[in-house]
All heavy atoms as atom14 arrays in JSON, in Angstrom:
{
  "sequence": "PLELRNLSKSIEAMSDSIHDKIEEIENKNKKLKKEIAERKQIEAE",
  "atom14_mask": [
    [1, 1, 1, 1, 1, 1, 1, 0, 0, 0, 0, 0, 0, 0],
    [1, 1, 1, 1, 1, 1, 1, 1, 0, 0, 0, 0, 0, 0],
    [1, 1, 1, 1, 1, 1, 1, 1, 1, 0, 0, 0, 0, 0],
    [1, 1, 1, 1, 1, 1, 1, 1, 0, 0, 0, 0, 0, 0],
    [1, 1, 1, 1, 1, 1, 1, 1, 1, 1, 1, 0, 0, 0],
    [1, 1, 1, 1, 1, 1, 1, 1, 0, 0, 0, 0, 0, 0],
    [1, 1, 1, 1, 1, 1, 1, 1, 0, 0, 0, 0, 0, 0],
    [1, 1, 1, 1, 1, 1, 0, 0, 0, 0, 0, 0, 0, 0],
    [1, 1, 1, 1, 1, 1, 1, 1, 1, 0, 0, 0, 0, 0],
    [1, 1, 1, 1, 1, 1, 0, 0, 0, 0, 0, 0, 0, 0],
    [1, 1, 1, 1, 1, 1, 1, 1, 0, 0, 0, 0, 0, 0],
    [1, 1, 1, 1, 1, 1, 1, 1, 1, 0, 0, 0, 0, 0],
    [1, 1, 1, 1, 1, 0, 0, 0, 0, 0, 0, 0, 0, 0],
    [1, 1, 1, 1, 1, 1, 1, 1, 0, 0, 0, 0, 0, 0],
    [1, 1, 1, 1, 1, 1, 0, 0, 0, 0, 0, 0, 0, 0],
    [1, 1, 1, 1, 1, 1, 1, 1, 0, 0, 0, 0, 0, 0],
    [1, 1, 1, 1, 1, 1, 0, 0, 0, 0, 0, 0, 0, 0],
    [1, 1, 1, 1, 1, 1, 1, 1, 0, 0, 0, 0, 0, 0],
    [1, 1, 1, 1, 1, 1, 1, 1, 1, 1, 0, 0, 0, 0],
    [1, 1, 1, 1, 1, 1, 1, 1, 0, 0, 0, 0, 0, 0],
    [1, 1, 1, 1, 1, 1, 1, 1, 1, 0, 0, 0, 0, 0],
    [1, 1, 1, 1, 1, 1, 1, 1, 0, 0, 0, 0, 0, 0],
    [1, 1, 1, 1, 1, 1, 1, 1, 1, 0, 0, 0, 0, 0],
    [1, 1, 1, 1, 1, 1, 1, 1, 1, 0, 0, 0, 0, 0],
    [1, 1, 1, 1, 1, 1, 1, 1, 0, 0, 0, 0, 0, 0],
    [1, 1, 1, 1, 1, 1, 1, 1, 1, 0, 0, 0, 0, 0],
    [1, 1, 1, 1, 1, 1, 1, 1, 0, 0, 0, 0, 0, 0],
    [1, 1, 1, 1, 1, 1, 1, 1, 1, 0, 0, 0, 0, 0],
    [1, 1, 1, 1, 1, 1, 1, 1, 0, 0, 0, 0, 0, 0],
    [1, 1, 1, 1, 1, 1, 1, 1, 1, 0, 0, 0, 0, 0],
    [1, 1, 1, 1, 1, 1, 1, 1, 1, 0, 0, 0, 0, 0],
    [1, 1, 1, 1, 1, 1, 1, 1, 0, 0, 0, 0, 0, 0],
    [1, 1, 1, 1, 1, 1, 1, 1, 1, 0, 0, 0, 0, 0],
    [1, 1, 1, 1, 1, 1, 1, 1, 1, 0, 0, 0, 0, 0],
    [1, 1, 1, 1, 1, 1, 1, 1, 1, 0, 0, 0, 0, 0],
    [1, 1, 1, 1, 1, 1, 1, 1, 0, 0, 0, 0, 0, 0],
    [1, 1, 1, 1, 1, 0, 0, 0, 0, 0, 0, 0, 0, 0],
    [1, 1, 1, 1, 1, 1, 1, 1, 1, 0, 0, 0, 0, 0],
    [1, 1, 1, 1, 1, 1, 1, 1, 1, 1, 1, 0, 0, 0],
    [1, 1, 1, 1, 1, 1, 1, 1, 1, 0, 0, 0, 0, 0],
    [1, 1, 1, 1, 1, 1, 1, 1, 1, 0, 0, 0, 0, 0],
    [1, 1, 1, 1, 1, 1, 1, 1, 0, 0, 0, 0, 0, 0],
    [1, 1, 1, 1, 1, 1, 1, 1, 1, 0, 0, 0, 0, 0],
    [1, 1, 1, 1, 1, 0, 0, 0, 0, 0, 0, 0, 0, 0],
    [1, 1, 1, 1, 1, 1, 1, 1, 1, 0, 0, 0, 0, 0]
  ],
  "atom14_positions": [
    [[11.56, -11.51, -27.34], [12.68, -11.79, -26.41], [12.36, -12.6, -25.23], [11.22, -12.72, -24.87], [13.16, -10.4, -26.07], [12.63, -9.42, -27.06], [11.33, -10.05, -27.48], [0.0, 0.0, 0.0], [0.0, 0.0, 0.0], [0.0, 0.0, 0.0], [0.0, 0.0, 0.0], [0.0, 0.0, 0.0], [0.0, 0.0, 0.0], [0.0, 0.0, 0.0]],
    [[13.34, -13.21, -24.61], [13.13, -14.04, -23.43], [12.46, -13.29, -22.35], [11.58, -13.88, -21.69], [14.54, -14.62, -23.0], [14.49, -15.56, -21.76], [13.64, -16.79, -22.07], [15.89, -15.93, -21.4], [0.0, 0.0, 0.0], [0.0, 0.0, 0.0], [0.0, 0.0, 0.0], [0.0, 0.0, 0.0], [0.0, 0.0, 0.0], [0.0, 0.0, 0.0]],
    [[12.88, -12.16, -22.11], [12.27, -11.34, -21.02], [10.73, -11.12, -21.22], [9.91, -11.29, -20.28], [12.92, -9.92, -20.95], [14.35, -9.98, -20.43], [15.34, -10.36, -21.53], [14.83, -10.51, -22.72], [16.52, -10.53, -21.25], [0.0, 0.0, 0.0], [0.0, 0.0, 0.0], [0.0, 0.0, 0.0], [0.0, 0.0, 0.0], [0.0, 0.0, 0.0]],
    [[10.32, -10.82, -22.47], [8.93, -10.68, -22.77], [8.16, -12.02, -22.61], [7.05, -12.05, -22.16], [8.69, -10.16, -24.12], [9.08, -8.61, -24.37], [8.87, -8.17, -25.79], [8.22, -7.75, -23.46], [0.0, 0.0, 0.0], [0.0, 0.0, 0.0], [0.0, 0.0, 0.0], [0.0, 0.0, 0.0], [0.0, 0.0, 0.0], [0.0, 0.0, 0.0]],
    [[8.81, -13.11, -23.06], [8.13, -14.37, -22.94], [7.97, -14.71, -21.42], [6.92, -15.27, -21.06], [8.99, -15.49, -23.53], [8.99, -15.27, -25.12], [9.43, -16.6, -25.79], [10.68, -17.06, -25.33], [11.86, -16.78, -25.91], [11.95, -16.0, -26.99], [13.03, -17.3, -25.46], [0.0, 0.0, 0.0], [0.0, 0.0, 0.0], [0.0, 0.0, 0.0]],
    [[8.96, -14.48, -20.58], [8.89, -14.72, -19.09], [7.79, -13.78, -18.59], [7.03, -14.23, -17.71], [10.19, -14.52, -18.45], [11.3, -15.53, -18.91], [10.92, -16.61, -19.27], [12.5, -15.2, -18.75], [0.0, 0.0, 0.0], [0.0, 0.0, 0.0], [0.0, 0.0, 0.0], [0.0, 0.0, 0.0], [0.0, 0.0, 0.0], [0.0, 0.0, 0.0]],
    [[7.71, -12.53, -19.04], [6.7, -11.67, -18.53], [5.31, -12.13, -18.87], [4.39, -12.14, -18.07], [6.93, -10.28, -18.99], [5.99, -9.1, -18.48], [5.97, -9.05, -17.02], [6.27, -7.81, -19.16], [0.0, 0.0, 0.0], [0.0, 0.0, 0.0], [0.0, 0.0, 0.0], [0.0, 0.0, 0.0], [0.0, 0.0, 0.0], [0.0, 0.0, 0.0]],
    [[5.1, -12.61, -20.07], [3.81, -13.14, -20.51], [3.45, -14.34, -19.73], [2.33, -14.46, -19.29], [3.88, -13.5, -22.07], [4.2, -12.35, -22.82], [0.0, 0.0, 0.0], [0.0, 0.0, 0.0], [0.0, 0.0, 0.0], [0.0, 0.0, 0.0], [0.0, 0.0, 0.0], [0.0, 0.0, 0.0], [0.0, 0.0, 0.0], [0.0, 0.0, 0.0]],
    [[4.46, -15.21, -19.48], [4.1, -16.4, -18.71], [3.68, -16.02, -17.34], [2.83, -16.7, -16.64], [5.39, -17.29, -18.63], [5.18, -18.67, -17.98], [6.5, -19.46, -18.08], [6.29, -20.78, -17.41], [7.55, -21.62, -17.49], [0.0, 0.0, 0.0], [0.0, 0.0, 0.0], [0.0, 0.0, 0.0], [0.0, 0.0, 0.0], [0.0, 0.0, 0.0]],
    [[4.4, -15.03, -16.77], [4.08, -14.61, -15.32], [2.66, -14.02, -15.27], [1.91, -14.34, -14.33], [5.13, -13.63, -14.83], [6.41, -14.14, -14.8], [0.0, 0.0, 0.0], [0.0, 0.0, 0.0], [0.0, 0.0, 0.0], [0.0, 0.0, 0.0], [0.0, 0.0, 0.0], [0.0, 0.0, 0.0], [0.0, 0.0, 0.0], [0.0, 0.0, 0.0]],
    [[2.34, -13.13, -16.26], [0.98, -12.61, -16.34], [-0.06, -13.66, -16.45], [-1.17, -13.62, -15.65], [0.93, -11.56, -17.42], [1.82, -10.37, -17.03], [-0.6, -11.12, -17.64], [1.86, -9.29, -18.14], [0.0, 0.0, 0.0], [0.0, 0.0, 0.0], [0.0, 0.0, 0.0], [0.0, 0.0, 0.0], [0.0, 0.0, 0.0], [0.0, 0.0, 0.0]],
    [[0.1, -14.6, -17.32], [-0.74, -15.66, -17.5], [-0.99, -16.48, -16.21], [-2.09, -16.99, -15.82], [-0.45, -16.58, -18.65], [-1.39, -17.53, -19.11], [-1.08, -18.2, -20.43], [-0.36, -17.64, -21.22], [-1.5, -19.39, -20.51], [0.0, 0.0, 0.0], [0.0, 0.0, 0.0], [0.0, 0.0, 0.0], [0.0, 0.0, 0.0], [0.0, 0.0, 0.0]],
    [[0.17, -16.81, -15.57], [0.12, -17.55, -14.3], [-0.66, -16.8, -13.26], [-1.43, -17.31, -12.41], [1.45, -17.87, -13.82], [0.0, 0.0, 0.0], [0.0, 0.0, 0.0], [0.0, 0.0, 0.0], [0.0, 0.0, 0.0], [0.0, 0.0, 0.0], [0.0, 0.0, 0.0], [0.0, 0.0, 0.0], [0.0, 0.0, 0.0], [0.0, 0.0, 0.0]],
    [[-0.43, -15.41, -13.13], [-1.11, -14.57, -12.22], [-2.67, -14.58, -12.48], [-3.44, -14.74, -11.57], [-0.64, -13.19, -12.34], [-1.33, -12.17, -11.39], [-0.8, -10.53, -11.63], [-1.54, -10.15, -13.25], [0.0, 0.0, 0.0], [0.0, 0.0, 0.0], [0.0, 0.0, 0.0], [0.0, 0.0, 0.0], [0.0, 0.0, 0.0], [0.0, 0.0, 0.0]],
    [[-3.02, -14.5, -13.79], [-4.41, -14.53, -14.13], [-5.07, -15.93, -13.7], [-6.22, -15.91, -13.18], [-4.57, -14.34, -15.65], [-5.89, -14.52, -16.15], [0.0, 0.0, 0.0], [0.0, 0.0, 0.0], [0.0, 0.0, 0.0], [0.0, 0.0, 0.0], [0.0, 0.0, 0.0], [0.0, 0.0, 0.0], [0.0, 0.0, 0.0], [0.0, 0.0, 0.0]],
    [[-4.4, -17.05, -13.99], [-4.89, -18.26, -13.59], [-5.04, -18.42, -12.11], [-6.08, -18.95, -11.58], [-4.01, -19.4, -14.11], [-4.05, -19.56, -15.64], [-5.06, -19.03, -16.24], [-3.09, -20.03, -16.22], [0.0, 0.0, 0.0], [0.0, 0.0, 0.0], [0.0, 0.0, 0.0], [0.0, 0.0, 0.0], [0.0, 0.0, 0.0], [0.0, 0.0, 0.0]],
    [[-4.03, -17.85, -11.39], [-4.12, -17.98, -9.87], [-5.25, -17.1, -9.36], [-6.06, -17.57, -8.41], [-2.8, -17.45, -9.33], [-2.83, -17.38, -7.94], [0.0, 0.0, 0.0], [0.0, 0.0, 0.0], [0.0, 0.0, 0.0], [0.0, 0.0, 0.0], [0.0, 0.0, 0.0], [0.0, 0.0, 0.0], [0.0, 0.0, 0.0], [0.0, 0.0, 0.0]],
    [[-5.47, -15.92, -9.92], [-6.58, -15.07, -9.45], [-7.98, -15.77, -9.8], [-8.87, -15.75, -8.99], [-6.57, -13.71, -10.11], [-5.31, -12.95, -9.68], [-7.75, -12.88, -9.83], [-5.1, -11.65, -10.37], [0.0, 0.0, 0.0], [0.0, 0.0, 0.0], [0.0, 0.0, 0.0], [0.0, 0.0, 0.0], [0.0, 0.0, 0.0], [0.0, 0.0, 0.0]],
    [[-8.01, -16.39, -11.05], [-9.25, -17.1, -11.35], [-9.53, -18.21, -10.4], [-10.69, -18.41, -9.98], [-9.09, -17.56, -12.76], [-10.32, -18.35, -13.26], [-10.33, -19.75, -13.15], [-11.4, -17.94, -13.85], [-11.43, -20.14, -13.62], [-12.2, -19.03, -14.06], [0.0, 0.0, 0.0], [0.0, 0.0, 0.0], [0.0, 0.0, 0.0], [0.0, 0.0, 0.0]],
    [[-8.5, -19.02, -10.06], [-8.68, -20.11, -9.05], [-9.09, -19.59, -7.7], [-10.04, -20.18, -7.15], [-7.39, -20.86, -8.98], [-7.0, -21.65, -10.3], [-7.94, -21.78, -11.08], [-5.81, -21.98, -10.41], [0.0, 0.0, 0.0], [0.0, 0.0, 0.0], [0.0, 0.0, 0.0], [0.0, 0.0, 0.0], [0.0, 0.0, 0.0], [0.0, 0.0, 0.0]],
    [[-8.53, -18.45, -7.28], [-8.88, -17.95, -5.95], [-10.36, -17.49, -6.01], [-11.12, -17.65, -5.02], [-8.01, -16.77, -5.61], [-6.54, -17.23, -5.28], [-6.55, -18.05, -4.07], [-5.0, -18.42, -3.68], [-4.93, -19.33, -2.51], [0.0, 0.0, 0.0], [0.0, 0.0, 0.0], [0.0, 0.0, 0.0], [0.0, 0.0, 0.0], [0.0, 0.0, 0.0]],
    [[-10.71, -16.79, -7.04], [-12.15, -16.2, -7.17], [-13.07, -17.47, -7.19], [-14.14, -17.47, -6.59], [-12.24, -15.32, -8.44], [-11.45, -14.11, -8.14], [-13.76, -15.07, -8.68], [-11.52, -13.13, -9.41], [0.0, 0.0, 0.0], [0.0, 0.0, 0.0], [0.0, 0.0, 0.0], [0.0, 0.0, 0.0], [0.0, 0.0, 0.0], [0.0, 0.0, 0.0]],
    [[-12.71, -18.47, -7.93], [-13.61, -19.67, -8.03], [-13.78, -20.31, -6.73], [-14.76, -20.76, -6.31], [-13.06, -20.62, -9.05], [-13.95, -21.74, -9.35], [-13.37, -22.62, -10.5], [-12.22, -22.59, -10.68], [-14.18, -23.36, -11.17], [0.0, 0.0, 0.0], [0.0, 0.0, 0.0], [0.0, 0.0, 0.0], [0.0, 0.0, 0.0], [0.0, 0.0, 0.0]],
    [[-12.61, -20.4, -5.97], [-12.65, -20.99, -4.66], [-13.51, -20.19, -3.72], [-14.39, -20.75, -2.92], [-11.19, -21.06, -4.05], [-11.07, -21.73, -2.68], [-9.73, -21.7, -2.13], [-8.77, -21.31, -2.93], [-9.52, -22.0, -0.99], [0.0, 0.0, 0.0], [0.0, 0.0, 0.0], [0.0, 0.0, 0.0], [0.0, 0.0, 0.0], [0.0, 0.0, 0.0]],
    [[-13.35, -18.77, -3.76], [-14.25, -17.99, -2.95], [-15.65, -18.14, -3.31], [-16.6, -18.15, -2.39], [-13.83, -16.49, -3.07], [-12.41, -16.36, -2.5], [-14.8, -15.6, -2.36], [-11.81, -14.97, -2.68], [0.0, 0.0, 0.0], [0.0, 0.0, 0.0], [0.0, 0.0, 0.0], [0.0, 0.0, 0.0], [0.0, 0.0, 0.0], [0.0, 0.0, 0.0]],
    [[-15.98, -18.13, -4.57], [-17.42, -18.37, -5.04], [-17.95, -19.68, -4.53], [-19.14, -19.74, -4.09], [-17.4, -18.29, -6.59], [-17.16, -16.85, -7.11], [-17.24, -16.86, -8.63], [-17.24, -17.92, -9.22], [-17.29, -15.78, -9.19], [0.0, 0.0, 0.0], [0.0, 0.0, 0.0], [0.0, 0.0, 0.0], [0.0, 0.0, 0.0], [0.0, 0.0, 0.0]],
    [[-17.18, -20.69, -4.58], [-17.62, -21.97, -4.1], [-17.94, -21.97, -2.58], [-18.96, -22.52, -2.11], [-16.57, -23.1, -4.36], [-16.53, -23.36, -5.89], [-17.46, -23.17, -6.63], [-15.34, -23.89, -6.29], [0.0, 0.0, 0.0], [0.0, 0.0, 0.0], [0.0, 0.0, 0.0], [0.0, 0.0, 0.0], [0.0, 0.0, 0.0], [0.0, 0.0, 0.0]],
    [[-17.03, -21.29, -1.85], [-17.27, -21.09, -0.41], [-18.49, -20.25, -0.15], [-19.22, -20.61, 0.77], [-16.07, -20.47, 0.24], [-14.78, -21.38, 0.27], [-13.65, -20.7, 1.04], [-12.44, -21.69, 1.12], [-11.32, -20.99, 1.78], [0.0, 0.0, 0.0], [0.0, 0.0, 0.0], [0.0, 0.0, 0.0], [0.0, 0.0, 0.0], [0.0, 0.0, 0.0]],
    [[-18.7, -19.29, -0.91], [-19.87, -18.44, -0.78], [-21.18, -19.24, -1.06], [-22.19, -19.11, -0.35], [-19.89, -17.2, -1.71], [-18.88, -16.15, -1.25], [-18.45, -16.14, -0.07], [-18.39, -15.35, -2.17], [0.0, 0.0, 0.0], [0.0, 0.0, 0.0], [0.0, 0.0, 0.0], [0.0, 0.0, 0.0], [0.0, 0.0, 0.0], [0.0, 0.0, 0.0]],
    [[-21.19, -20.09, -2.05], [-22.29, -20.87, -2.43], [-22.6, -21.88, -1.24], [-23.72, -22.1, -0.85], [-22.04, -21.67, -3.65], [-21.99, -20.83, -5.0], [-21.76, -21.65, -6.13], [-21.74, -20.89, -7.48], [-21.47, -21.72, -8.7], [0.0, 0.0, 0.0], [0.0, 0.0, 0.0], [0.0, 0.0, 0.0], [0.0, 0.0, 0.0], [0.0, 0.0, 0.0]],
    [[-21.46, -22.47, -0.72], [-21.62, -23.4, 0.41], [-22.18, -22.68, 1.63], [-23.06, -23.18, 2.33], [-20.31, -23.99, 0.74], [-20.35, -25.03, 1.82], [-18.97, -25.71, 2.06], [-19.06, -26.75, 3.15], [-17.72, -27.35, 3.47], [0.0, 0.0, 0.0], [0.0, 0.0, 0.0], [0.0, 0.0, 0.0], [0.0, 0.0, 0.0], [0.0, 0.0, 0.0]],
    [[-21.64, -21.45, 1.86], [-22.12, -20.64, 3.0], [-23.62, -20.22, 2.86], [-24.38, -20.29, 3.75], [-21.27, -19.37, 3.15], [-21.58, -18.45, 4.34], [-21.43, -19.25, 5.65], [-20.73, -17.27, 4.33], [0.0, 0.0, 0.0], [0.0, 0.0, 0.0], [0.0, 0.0, 0.0], [0.0, 0.0, 0.0], [0.0, 0.0, 0.0], [0.0, 0.0, 0.0]],
    [[-24.04, -19.85, 1.6], [-25.39, -19.54, 1.35], [-26.28, -20.73, 1.56], [-27.37, -20.6, 2.15], [-25.54, -18.99, -0.08], [-24.97, -17.62, -0.23], [-25.18, -17.13, -1.7], [-24.54, -15.7, -1.95], [-24.75, -15.35, -3.36], [0.0, 0.0, 0.0], [0.0, 0.0, 0.0], [0.0, 0.0, 0.0], [0.0, 0.0, 0.0], [0.0, 0.0, 0.0]],
    [[-25.85, -21.84, 1.14], [-26.57, -23.12, 1.31], [-26.71, -23.35, 2.82], [-27.87, -23.75, 3.33], [-25.89, -24.28, 0.67], [-26.66, -25.55, 0.72], [-25.92, -26.68, -0.03], [-26.7, -28.02, 0.1], [-26.04, -29.12, -0.69], [0.0, 0.0, 0.0], [0.0, 0.0, 0.0], [0.0, 0.0, 0.0], [0.0, 0.0, 0.0], [0.0, 0.0, 0.0]],
    [[-25.64, -23.22, 3.64], [-25.69, -23.49, 5.12], [-26.67, -22.5, 5.73], [-27.39, -22.82, 6.62], [-24.27, -23.37, 5.7], [-23.42, -24.53, 5.22], [-21.98, -24.4, 5.81], [-21.72, -23.34, 6.47], [-21.14, -25.28, 5.63], [0.0, 0.0, 0.0], [0.0, 0.0, 0.0], [0.0, 0.0, 0.0], [0.0, 0.0, 0.0], [0.0, 0.0, 0.0]],
    [[-26.55, -21.21, 5.3], [-27.5, -20.17, 5.91], [-28.98, -20.57, 5.53], [-29.84, -20.42, 6.39], [-27.12, -18.83, 5.34], [-25.77, -18.41, 5.89], [-28.18, -17.73, 5.73], [-25.21, -17.03, 5.27], [0.0, 0.0, 0.0], [0.0, 0.0, 0.0], [0.0, 0.0, 0.0], [0.0, 0.0, 0.0], [0.0, 0.0, 0.0], [0.0, 0.0, 0.0]],
    [[-29.18, -21.02, 4.3], [-30.59, -21.29, 3.91], [-31.06, -22.49, 4.7], [-32.21, -22.58, 5.21], [-30.64, -21.68, 2.39], [0.0, 0.0, 0.0], [0.0, 0.0, 0.0], [0.0, 0.0, 0.0], [0.0, 0.0, 0.0], [0.0, 0.0, 0.0], [0.0, 0.0, 0.0], [0.0, 0.0, 0.0], [0.0, 0.0, 0.0], [0.0, 0.0, 0.0]],
    [[-30.22, -23.49, 4.96], [-30.55, -24.74, 5.73], [-30.83, -24.24, 7.15], [-31.71, -24.72, 7.83], [-29.46, -25.73, 5.67], [-29.3, -26.36, 4.28], [-28.12, -27.34, 4.23], [-27.33, -27.38, 5.18], [-28.02, -28.06, 3.18], [0.0, 0.0, 0.0], [0.0, 0.0, 0.0], [0.0, 0.0, 0.0], [0.0, 0.0, 0.0], [0.0, 0.0, 0.0]],
    [[-29.93, -23.36, 7.71], [-30.08, -22.9, 9.1], [-31.38, -22.21, 9.21], [-32.12, -22.29, 10.22], [-28.95, -22.05, 9.51], [-29.03, -21.6, 10.95], [-27.68, -20.84, 11.4], [-26.55, -21.8, 11.36], [-25.35, -21.35, 11.54], [-25.08, -20.13, 11.88], [-24.33, -22.25, 11.57], [0.0, 0.0, 0.0], [0.0, 0.0, 0.0], [0.0, 0.0, 0.0]],
    [[-31.77, -21.32, 8.29], [-32.99, -20.53, 8.31], [-34.14, -21.48, 8.23], [-35.19, -21.33, 8.98], [-33.1, -19.51, 7.11], [-32.15, -18.37, 7.34], [-32.38, -17.38, 6.22], [-31.48, -16.11, 6.43], [-31.64, -15.17, 5.39], [0.0, 0.0, 0.0], [0.0, 0.0, 0.0], [0.0, 0.0, 0.0], [0.0, 0.0, 0.0], [0.0, 0.0, 0.0]],
    [[-34.05, -22.53, 7.44], [-35.11, -23.53, 7.35], [-35.3, -24.25, 8.66], [-36.41, -24.46, 9.13], [-34.86, -24.54, 6.28], [-35.96, -25.53, 6.08], [-35.65, -26.52, 4.89], [-34.58, -26.36, 4.24], [-36.5, -27.43, 4.62], [0.0, 0.0, 0.0], [0.0, 0.0, 0.0], [0.0, 0.0, 0.0], [0.0, 0.0, 0.0], [0.0, 0.0, 0.0]],
    [[-34.13, -24.61, 9.34], [-34.21, -25.3, 10.61], [-34.83, -24.36, 11.66], [-35.69, -24.75, 12.44], [-32.83, -25.72, 11.02], [-32.35, -26.89, 10.12], [-32.88, -26.22, 12.43], [-30.94, -27.29, 10.41], [0.0, 0.0, 0.0], [0.0, 0.0, 0.0], [0.0, 0.0, 0.0], [0.0, 0.0, 0.0], [0.0, 0.0, 0.0], [0.0, 0.0, 0.0]],
    [[-34.45, -23.03, 11.62], [-34.95, -22.04, 12.58], [-36.42, -21.91, 12.32], [-37.24, -21.78, 13.31], [-34.24, -20.74, 12.39], [-32.83, -20.87, 12.93], [-32.13, -19.42, 12.64], [-32.74, -18.6, 11.97], [-30.96, -19.29, 13.14], [0.0, 0.0, 0.0], [0.0, 0.0, 0.0], [0.0, 0.0, 0.0], [0.0, 0.0, 0.0], [0.0, 0.0, 0.0]],
    [[-36.85, -21.92, 11.04], [-38.31, -21.81, 10.79], [-39.07, -23.0, 11.29], [-40.12, -22.84, 11.87], [-38.47, -21.63, 9.24], [0.0, 0.0, 0.0], [0.0, 0.0, 0.0], [0.0, 0.0, 0.0], [0.0, 0.0, 0.0], [0.0, 0.0, 0.0], [0.0, 0.0, 0.0], [0.0, 0.0, 0.0], [0.0, 0.0, 0.0], [0.0, 0.0, 0.0]],
    [[-38.52, -24.19, 11.12], [-39.11, -25.35, 11.59], [-39.2, -25.36, 13.07], [-40.22, -25.78, 13.75], [-38.38, -26.6, 11.13], [-38.53, -26.85, 9.61], [-37.65, -27.99, 9.12], [-36.95, -28.5, 9.94], [-37.7, -28.37, 7.92], [0.0, 0.0, 0.0], [0.0, 0.0, 0.0], [0.0, 0.0, 0.0], [0.0, 0.0, 0.0], [0.0, 0.0, 0.0]]
  ]
}
C-alpha cells in the first residue's frame, strides 16, 4: 500500500541521513586527530 511505501521511503531517507551525519563526524574526527598530531609534533619541536 501507499502508506507502507511512504514509510519505507522515510526509513531509507533516515538511514541515509544518519549515514551522512556519521560520515561527516568521522571526517571531522580524522581532521581533528590530524590537527592534534600536527600540534603535538610542533610542540615536540
